N, C-alpha and C. Protein backbone atom coordinates (compact mmCIF):
# COMPACT_ATOMS: atom_id res chain seq x y z
N MET A 1 50.43 213.61 39.26
CA MET A 1 51.61 213.35 38.50
C MET A 1 50.71 212.96 36.83
N ASN A 2 51.24 213.43 35.91
CA ASN A 2 51.18 213.16 34.43
C ASN A 2 51.73 211.91 33.74
N ARG A 3 50.91 210.85 33.50
CA ARG A 3 51.82 209.83 32.86
C ARG A 3 51.06 210.08 30.89
N PRO A 4 51.74 209.74 30.32
CA PRO A 4 51.50 209.77 28.92
C PRO A 4 50.26 208.45 28.92
N SER A 5 49.46 208.87 27.96
CA SER A 5 48.15 208.09 27.90
C SER A 5 48.55 206.53 27.11
N THR A 6 47.90 206.26 27.30
CA THR A 6 48.36 204.46 26.57
C THR A 6 48.01 204.65 24.99
N LEU A 7 47.12 205.79 24.71
CA LEU A 7 46.94 206.10 23.58
C LEU A 7 48.00 206.88 22.33
N ASN A 8 49.07 207.69 23.60
CA ASN A 8 50.01 208.21 23.08
C ASN A 8 51.06 207.24 23.03
N ALA A 9 51.04 206.67 23.71
CA ALA A 9 52.37 205.94 23.44
C ALA A 9 51.71 204.56 22.33
N GLY A 10 50.50 204.35 22.49
CA GLY A 10 50.42 203.28 21.15
C GLY A 10 50.65 203.94 20.01
N LEU A 11 50.33 205.13 19.86
CA LEU A 11 50.50 205.87 18.51
C LEU A 11 52.10 205.96 18.39
N LEU A 12 52.71 206.36 19.11
CA LEU A 12 54.33 206.86 19.11
C LEU A 12 54.83 205.72 18.53
N LEU A 13 55.23 204.57 19.19
CA LEU A 13 55.80 203.19 18.78
C LEU A 13 55.70 203.06 17.73
N PRO A 14 54.32 202.58 16.99
CA PRO A 14 54.26 202.54 15.53
C PRO A 14 54.83 203.18 14.58
N LEU A 15 54.69 204.27 15.30
CA LEU A 15 55.32 205.33 14.15
C LEU A 15 56.56 205.33 14.24
N ALA A 16 57.35 205.30 15.53
CA ALA A 16 58.79 205.45 15.22
C ALA A 16 59.03 203.97 14.62
N ALA A 17 58.60 202.99 14.89
CA ALA A 17 58.72 202.24 13.73
C ALA A 17 58.96 202.32 12.33
N LEU A 18 57.74 202.82 11.91
CA LEU A 18 57.79 202.95 10.36
C LEU A 18 58.84 203.94 9.92
N ALA A 19 58.74 204.60 10.87
CA ALA A 19 60.46 205.85 10.42
C ALA A 19 61.50 205.50 10.23
N LEU A 20 61.55 204.18 11.24
CA LEU A 20 63.29 203.54 11.23
C LEU A 20 63.22 202.34 9.77
N ALA A 21 61.86 201.51 9.62
CA ALA A 21 61.51 200.92 8.59
C ALA A 21 61.86 201.72 6.93
N SER A 22 61.58 203.22 7.32
CA SER A 22 61.35 203.89 5.63
C SER A 22 63.03 204.46 5.58
N CYS A 23 63.92 204.03 6.28
CA CYS A 23 65.45 204.35 6.14
C CYS A 23 65.73 202.79 5.10
N ALA A 24 65.54 201.49 5.15
CA ALA A 24 66.01 200.66 4.72
C ALA A 24 65.55 201.18 3.32
N ASN A 25 67.00 200.63 2.67
CA ASN A 25 67.21 200.47 1.39
C ASN A 25 67.67 199.40 0.42
N PRO A 26 66.71 198.75 -0.05
CA PRO A 26 66.56 197.34 -0.59
C PRO A 26 67.82 197.42 -1.71
N ASN A 27 67.83 198.39 -2.78
CA ASN A 27 68.97 198.42 -3.65
C ASN A 27 70.19 198.40 -3.01
N ALA A 28 70.69 198.60 -1.59
CA ALA A 28 71.54 198.94 -0.94
C ALA A 28 72.23 197.39 -0.62
N ASP A 29 70.86 196.78 -0.06
CA ASP A 29 71.44 195.42 0.06
C ASP A 29 71.89 194.55 -1.42
N LYS A 30 70.92 194.65 -2.01
CA LYS A 30 71.57 194.37 -3.60
C LYS A 30 72.89 194.56 -4.02
N ALA A 31 73.20 195.49 -3.74
CA ALA A 31 74.90 196.07 -4.10
C ALA A 31 75.76 195.37 -3.71
N ALA A 32 75.25 195.58 -1.61
CA ALA A 32 76.25 194.42 -1.13
C ALA A 32 76.47 192.65 -1.59
N ASP A 33 75.77 192.67 -1.95
CA ASP A 33 75.36 191.23 -2.44
C ASP A 33 75.77 191.11 -3.66
N ALA A 34 75.93 191.88 -4.74
CA ALA A 34 76.60 191.65 -5.80
C ALA A 34 78.44 191.64 -5.52
N ARG A 35 79.01 191.94 -4.13
CA ARG A 35 80.28 191.85 -4.06
C ARG A 35 80.67 190.39 -4.38
N GLN A 36 79.77 189.51 -3.92
CA GLN A 36 80.23 188.01 -3.82
C GLN A 36 79.27 187.41 -5.06
N VAL A 37 78.00 187.86 -5.37
CA VAL A 37 77.51 187.27 -6.55
C VAL A 37 78.13 187.52 -7.99
N LEU A 38 78.99 187.98 -8.08
CA LEU A 38 79.47 188.86 -9.44
C LEU A 38 80.52 188.09 -9.68
N VAL A 39 81.20 187.78 -8.53
CA VAL A 39 82.63 186.72 -8.48
C VAL A 39 82.52 185.68 -9.25
N GLY A 40 83.31 185.37 -10.42
CA GLY A 40 83.23 184.47 -11.57
C GLY A 40 82.66 184.74 -12.52
N MET A 41 82.25 186.09 -12.76
CA MET A 41 81.47 186.50 -14.05
C MET A 41 82.55 186.86 -15.12
N PRO A 42 82.29 186.28 -16.48
CA PRO A 42 83.59 186.70 -17.31
C PRO A 42 83.51 188.24 -17.77
N LYS A 43 84.49 188.31 -18.33
CA LYS A 43 84.89 190.06 -18.28
C LYS A 43 83.69 190.62 -19.63
N GLU A 44 83.79 189.81 -20.35
CA GLU A 44 82.82 189.61 -21.94
C GLU A 44 81.33 190.04 -21.31
N THR A 45 80.96 189.32 -20.14
CA THR A 45 79.88 189.44 -19.88
C THR A 45 79.55 190.85 -18.95
N LEU A 46 80.34 191.12 -18.01
CA LEU A 46 80.82 192.45 -17.45
C LEU A 46 80.46 193.80 -18.61
N LEU A 47 81.35 193.41 -19.52
CA LEU A 47 81.64 194.76 -20.30
C LEU A 47 80.12 195.04 -21.14
N SER A 48 79.27 193.66 -21.40
CA SER A 48 77.79 193.43 -21.87
C SER A 48 77.16 194.66 -21.05
N CYS A 49 76.73 194.37 -19.41
CA CYS A 49 76.01 194.50 -18.54
C CYS A 49 76.39 196.12 -17.62
N ALA A 50 77.31 196.25 -17.52
CA ALA A 50 78.35 197.43 -17.01
C ALA A 50 78.47 198.07 -18.09
N GLY A 51 78.70 198.13 -19.16
CA GLY A 51 79.38 198.89 -20.09
C GLY A 51 81.02 199.34 -20.11
N VAL A 52 81.07 199.98 -20.91
CA VAL A 52 82.92 200.21 -20.75
C VAL A 52 83.06 201.17 -19.67
N PRO A 53 84.34 200.82 -18.92
CA PRO A 53 84.56 201.34 -17.46
C PRO A 53 85.18 202.70 -18.13
N GLN A 54 84.96 203.73 -16.78
CA GLN A 54 85.32 204.84 -16.99
C GLN A 54 86.64 204.84 -16.85
N ARG A 55 87.10 204.03 -16.15
CA ARG A 55 88.91 204.16 -15.92
C ARG A 55 89.55 202.38 -15.96
N SER A 56 90.67 202.06 -16.62
CA SER A 56 91.08 200.57 -16.24
C SER A 56 92.63 200.78 -16.01
N ALA A 57 93.06 199.65 -15.78
CA ALA A 57 94.58 199.77 -15.67
C ALA A 57 94.87 198.19 -15.24
N THR A 58 95.94 197.34 -16.12
CA THR A 58 97.13 196.43 -16.32
C THR A 58 97.77 196.19 -15.33
N VAL A 59 97.71 195.40 -14.28
CA VAL A 59 99.32 195.28 -13.13
C VAL A 59 99.56 193.68 -13.22
N ASP A 60 100.44 193.33 -13.89
CA ASP A 60 100.98 191.74 -13.74
C ASP A 60 99.65 191.51 -14.89
N ASN A 61 99.35 190.24 -14.07
CA ASN A 61 98.10 189.78 -14.91
C ASN A 61 96.47 189.68 -14.35
N SER A 62 96.65 190.90 -13.64
CA SER A 62 95.33 191.51 -13.17
C SER A 62 94.71 193.14 -13.85
N GLU A 63 93.74 193.06 -14.36
CA GLU A 63 92.87 194.12 -14.58
C GLU A 63 92.30 194.93 -13.64
N PHE A 64 91.78 196.20 -13.74
CA PHE A 64 91.26 196.53 -12.85
C PHE A 64 90.48 197.61 -13.20
N LEU A 65 88.99 197.45 -13.48
CA LEU A 65 88.11 198.14 -13.79
C LEU A 65 87.29 199.12 -13.75
N THR A 66 87.31 200.19 -13.40
CA THR A 66 86.77 201.11 -12.32
C THR A 66 85.25 201.75 -13.08
N TYR A 67 84.40 201.99 -12.55
CA TYR A 67 83.01 202.35 -12.93
C TYR A 67 82.78 203.35 -12.22
N THR A 68 82.13 204.19 -12.23
CA THR A 68 81.67 205.39 -11.54
C THR A 68 79.81 205.86 -11.55
N SER A 69 79.11 206.41 -10.45
CA SER A 69 78.02 206.46 -10.63
C SER A 69 77.91 207.80 -9.68
N SER A 70 77.23 208.84 -9.63
CA SER A 70 77.07 209.61 -8.67
C SER A 70 75.71 210.64 -9.18
N ASP A 71 74.85 210.87 -7.91
CA ASP A 71 73.84 212.03 -7.94
C ASP A 71 73.78 212.76 -6.67
N TYR A 72 73.12 214.27 -7.45
CA TYR A 72 73.24 215.20 -6.33
C TYR A 72 71.89 215.80 -6.69
N SER A 73 71.52 215.77 -5.29
CA SER A 73 70.18 216.70 -5.33
C SER A 73 70.42 218.08 -4.29
N GLY A 74 69.80 219.32 -5.16
CA GLY A 74 70.12 220.52 -4.94
C GLY A 74 69.16 221.35 -4.04
N GLY A 75 68.35 220.04 -3.05
CA GLY A 75 67.46 220.38 -2.25
C GLY A 75 66.13 221.09 -2.62
N GLY A 76 65.58 221.45 -1.82
CA GLY A 76 64.37 222.50 -2.62
C GLY A 76 63.22 222.17 -1.45
N PRO A 77 61.97 222.59 -1.99
CA PRO A 77 60.79 222.34 -0.63
C PRO A 77 60.89 221.31 0.00
N SER A 78 60.66 221.35 1.13
CA SER A 78 60.54 219.98 1.86
C SER A 78 59.13 219.43 2.79
N THR A 79 58.92 218.47 3.23
CA THR A 79 57.57 218.24 3.81
C THR A 79 58.11 217.46 5.03
N SER A 80 57.59 217.36 6.46
CA SER A 80 57.64 216.40 6.99
C SER A 80 56.34 216.58 8.00
N PHE A 81 56.39 215.14 8.72
CA PHE A 81 55.45 214.79 9.72
C PHE A 81 55.68 214.65 10.80
N GLY A 82 54.63 214.86 11.63
CA GLY A 82 55.12 215.25 13.31
C GLY A 82 54.46 214.68 13.85
N VAL A 83 54.47 214.08 15.49
CA VAL A 83 53.77 213.76 16.15
C VAL A 83 54.05 214.16 17.52
N ALA A 84 53.09 214.51 18.52
CA ALA A 84 53.12 215.39 19.66
C ALA A 84 52.29 214.81 20.38
N GLY A 85 52.80 214.71 21.77
CA GLY A 85 51.60 214.81 22.93
C GLY A 85 52.40 215.56 24.33
N GLY A 86 51.22 215.24 25.13
CA GLY A 86 51.72 215.93 26.48
C GLY A 86 50.39 216.09 27.24
N SER A 87 50.55 216.57 28.34
CA SER A 87 49.03 216.38 29.47
C SER A 87 47.94 216.34 28.92
N GLY A 88 47.90 217.36 27.78
CA GLY A 88 46.37 217.83 27.70
C GLY A 88 46.05 217.01 26.35
N GLY A 89 46.85 216.43 25.59
CA GLY A 89 46.48 215.45 24.55
C GLY A 89 47.47 215.08 23.41
N SER A 90 47.49 214.98 22.40
CA SER A 90 47.84 214.90 21.23
C SER A 90 47.45 215.14 20.31
N GLY A 91 48.46 215.35 19.24
CA GLY A 91 48.29 215.70 18.12
C GLY A 91 49.26 215.43 16.85
N VAL A 92 48.56 215.91 15.77
CA VAL A 92 49.29 215.17 14.44
C VAL A 92 49.80 216.23 13.32
N GLY A 93 50.47 216.64 12.91
CA GLY A 93 51.05 217.72 11.75
C GLY A 93 51.76 217.45 10.43
N ILE A 94 51.27 218.09 9.61
CA ILE A 94 52.20 218.24 8.21
C ILE A 94 52.85 219.65 8.28
N GLY A 95 54.24 219.04 8.03
CA GLY A 95 54.45 220.95 7.61
C GLY A 95 55.74 220.89 6.74
N PHE A 96 55.33 221.94 5.87
CA PHE A 96 56.28 222.48 4.64
C PHE A 96 57.16 223.16 5.01
N GLY A 97 58.59 223.17 4.36
CA GLY A 97 59.59 223.79 4.57
C GLY A 97 60.12 224.37 3.26
N PHE A 98 60.50 225.38 3.37
CA PHE A 98 61.12 226.04 1.91
C PHE A 98 62.42 226.47 2.47
N PRO A 99 63.47 226.49 1.65
CA PRO A 99 64.97 226.77 1.99
C PRO A 99 65.02 228.32 1.38
N LEU A 100 65.30 229.15 2.44
CA LEU A 100 65.86 230.64 2.57
C LEU A 100 67.08 230.92 2.07
N PHE A 101 67.43 231.76 0.88
CA PHE A 101 68.64 232.50 1.07
C PHE A 101 69.36 231.42 0.23
N GLY A 102 69.01 230.50 -0.47
CA GLY A 102 70.14 229.54 -0.72
C GLY A 102 70.52 228.35 0.11
N GLY A 103 69.61 228.13 0.96
CA GLY A 103 69.68 227.13 2.14
C GLY A 103 69.24 226.02 1.32
N GLY A 104 69.55 224.76 1.67
CA GLY A 104 69.17 223.45 0.86
C GLY A 104 69.11 222.32 1.29
N GLY A 105 69.69 221.95 2.05
CA GLY A 105 69.19 220.19 2.20
C GLY A 105 69.91 219.53 1.22
N GLY A 106 70.27 220.01 0.06
CA GLY A 106 70.77 218.90 -0.77
C GLY A 106 71.91 217.80 -0.31
N TYR A 107 71.66 216.68 -0.98
CA TYR A 107 72.89 216.04 -0.73
C TYR A 107 73.50 215.15 -2.36
N SER A 108 74.57 214.92 -1.94
CA SER A 108 75.27 214.09 -3.09
C SER A 108 75.70 212.68 -2.73
N SER A 109 75.29 211.69 -3.72
CA SER A 109 75.67 210.51 -3.33
C SER A 109 76.48 209.89 -4.38
N SER A 110 78.07 209.15 -4.45
CA SER A 110 78.89 208.86 -5.31
C SER A 110 79.43 207.36 -5.20
N CYS A 111 79.49 206.40 -6.08
CA CYS A 111 79.84 205.38 -5.85
C CYS A 111 81.38 205.08 -7.12
N GLU A 112 82.62 204.64 -6.65
CA GLU A 112 83.39 204.11 -7.71
C GLU A 112 83.09 202.27 -6.96
N ALA A 113 82.76 201.14 -8.49
CA ALA A 113 82.71 200.45 -8.25
C ALA A 113 84.05 199.65 -9.03
N ASN A 114 85.05 199.05 -8.31
CA ASN A 114 86.65 198.73 -8.41
C ASN A 114 86.37 196.91 -8.91
N PHE A 115 86.03 196.39 -10.22
CA PHE A 115 86.44 195.41 -10.82
C PHE A 115 88.24 194.61 -10.47
N THR A 116 88.38 193.64 -10.16
CA THR A 116 89.19 193.06 -10.64
C THR A 116 89.42 192.07 -11.04
N VAL A 117 89.83 191.73 -12.30
CA VAL A 117 89.59 190.66 -12.99
C VAL A 117 91.34 189.60 -13.45
N ARG A 118 91.15 188.81 -13.34
CA ARG A 118 92.42 188.26 -13.83
C ARG A 118 92.06 186.43 -14.40
N ASN A 119 92.52 186.29 -15.47
CA ASN A 119 92.38 185.74 -16.48
C ASN A 119 90.83 185.53 -16.95
N GLY A 120 90.26 186.33 -17.62
CA GLY A 120 89.31 186.77 -18.00
C GLY A 120 87.63 186.85 -17.19
N VAL A 121 88.40 186.73 -15.62
CA VAL A 121 87.09 186.55 -14.76
C VAL A 121 87.26 187.05 -13.50
N VAL A 122 86.06 187.76 -13.20
CA VAL A 122 86.01 188.82 -12.08
C VAL A 122 86.14 188.27 -10.86
N GLN A 123 87.32 188.30 -9.95
CA GLN A 123 87.59 188.16 -9.29
C GLN A 123 87.50 188.80 -7.64
N GLN A 124 86.86 189.88 -7.86
CA GLN A 124 86.85 190.85 -6.82
C GLN A 124 85.86 192.08 -7.22
N LEU A 125 85.19 192.87 -6.06
CA LEU A 125 83.96 193.84 -6.67
C LEU A 125 84.56 194.54 -4.98
N ASN A 126 85.22 195.80 -5.25
CA ASN A 126 85.13 196.84 -4.11
C ASN A 126 84.16 198.11 -4.49
N TYR A 127 84.14 198.52 -3.29
CA TYR A 127 83.08 199.66 -3.71
C TYR A 127 83.89 200.84 -2.86
N THR A 128 83.90 202.15 -3.14
CA THR A 128 84.25 203.33 -2.76
C THR A 128 83.63 204.51 -3.08
N GLY A 129 83.51 205.47 -2.16
CA GLY A 129 82.79 206.73 -2.24
C GLY A 129 83.70 207.60 -2.92
N SER A 130 83.25 208.90 -2.87
CA SER A 130 84.10 209.97 -3.66
C SER A 130 85.22 209.95 -2.05
N SER A 131 86.08 210.76 -2.64
CA SER A 131 87.70 210.91 -1.69
C SER A 131 87.70 210.37 -0.78
N GLY A 132 87.46 208.88 -0.68
CA GLY A 132 88.18 207.74 0.06
C GLY A 132 86.28 207.37 1.07
N SER A 133 85.56 208.08 1.16
CA SER A 133 84.77 208.05 2.25
C SER A 133 84.04 207.01 1.75
N SER A 134 83.06 206.21 2.79
CA SER A 134 82.32 205.11 2.47
C SER A 134 81.66 205.10 1.22
N ALA A 135 81.13 204.16 0.74
CA ALA A 135 79.95 204.59 -0.77
C ALA A 135 78.89 204.11 -0.16
N SER A 136 78.14 205.19 -0.62
CA SER A 136 76.51 204.70 -0.54
C SER A 136 76.30 203.83 -1.49
N LEU A 137 75.90 202.50 -0.96
CA LEU A 137 75.33 201.18 -1.62
C LEU A 137 74.61 201.27 -2.47
N GLY A 138 73.30 202.29 -1.99
CA GLY A 138 72.46 202.61 -3.12
C GLY A 138 72.72 203.05 -4.07
N GLN A 139 73.63 204.29 -4.17
CA GLN A 139 74.37 204.60 -5.82
C GLN A 139 75.16 203.60 -6.37
N CYS A 140 75.97 202.45 -5.38
CA CYS A 140 76.15 201.32 -6.09
C CYS A 140 75.56 200.62 -7.06
N TYR A 141 74.68 200.78 -6.66
CA TYR A 141 73.48 199.50 -7.32
C TYR A 141 73.24 199.90 -8.47
N ARG A 142 73.58 201.07 -8.87
CA ARG A 142 73.26 201.66 -10.32
C ARG A 142 74.19 201.22 -10.94
N ILE A 143 75.52 200.79 -11.00
CA ILE A 143 76.88 200.44 -11.53
C ILE A 143 76.40 198.62 -11.64
N VAL A 144 75.57 198.26 -10.75
CA VAL A 144 75.90 196.20 -11.28
C VAL A 144 74.21 196.32 -11.42
N GLU A 145 73.29 196.75 -11.19
CA GLU A 145 72.07 196.63 -11.43
C GLU A 145 72.12 195.65 -12.41
N ASN A 146 72.31 195.82 -13.70
CA ASN A 146 71.90 195.04 -15.47
C ASN A 146 72.82 193.68 -15.12
N CYS A 147 73.70 193.60 -14.49
CA CYS A 147 74.87 192.76 -13.89
C CYS A 147 74.00 191.81 -13.43
N LEU A 148 73.60 192.01 -12.09
CA LEU A 148 72.72 191.57 -11.35
C LEU A 148 71.50 190.80 -12.15
N ALA A 149 70.94 191.31 -13.04
CA ALA A 149 69.94 190.53 -13.54
C ALA A 149 70.42 189.41 -14.53
N LEU A 150 71.57 189.31 -14.67
CA LEU A 150 71.86 188.12 -15.78
C LEU A 150 72.44 186.99 -14.32
N VAL A 151 72.51 187.22 -13.12
CA VAL A 151 72.89 186.21 -12.50
C VAL A 151 71.34 185.31 -12.06
N PRO A 152 71.63 183.95 -12.09
CA PRO A 152 70.13 183.04 -11.89
C PRO A 152 69.89 183.54 -10.39
N GLN A 153 68.42 183.31 -10.15
CA GLN A 153 68.20 183.23 -8.88
C GLN A 153 68.90 182.53 -7.51
N SER A 154 69.01 181.17 -8.25
CA SER A 154 69.57 180.12 -7.09
C SER A 154 70.61 180.41 -6.72
N THR A 155 71.68 181.63 -7.46
CA THR A 155 73.05 181.76 -6.90
C THR A 155 72.82 182.87 -5.73
N ARG A 156 72.08 183.78 -5.76
CA ARG A 156 71.31 184.83 -4.89
C ARG A 156 71.74 184.91 -3.62
N PRO A 157 72.07 185.46 -2.61
CA PRO A 157 71.71 185.38 -1.05
C PRO A 157 70.26 185.49 -0.79
N PRO A 158 69.60 184.83 0.17
CA PRO A 158 68.20 184.88 0.33
C PRO A 158 68.08 186.19 0.99
N GLY A 159 67.12 186.93 0.58
CA GLY A 159 66.79 188.37 1.24
C GLY A 159 65.56 188.86 0.73
């Protein structure tokens, strides 16, 4: 009966944990926090840190200011890292890939930040992605980044 060696298991678990940790996006966390932190910001301050919105509308006593950010990567050469094990031992390798025939692995990320302003103060911030899909919070951070820099550290959630 073949059992994985302790060395293989000891190597595989930390690498799996490292792979999962690399998916964390601190900018996404900051964008999520902005939904609470930026409430109460004066409209003048919002305009100075986020700029002129791409769209705006007024309904009754509420203003709706919409900012957009998008990013597209057309793909290209890629690299990967692999670990393999078996009854005969273990191995580690690095691979390089090149898309053929226009294939790509490209990605697109977009965000719309919708600020609701009443009486000259931000009341609410919501994010949406393109065509109603959930937004990429990492992309949303690009919209609110300058405004978050104006908020005192003491009012931000720990993290």
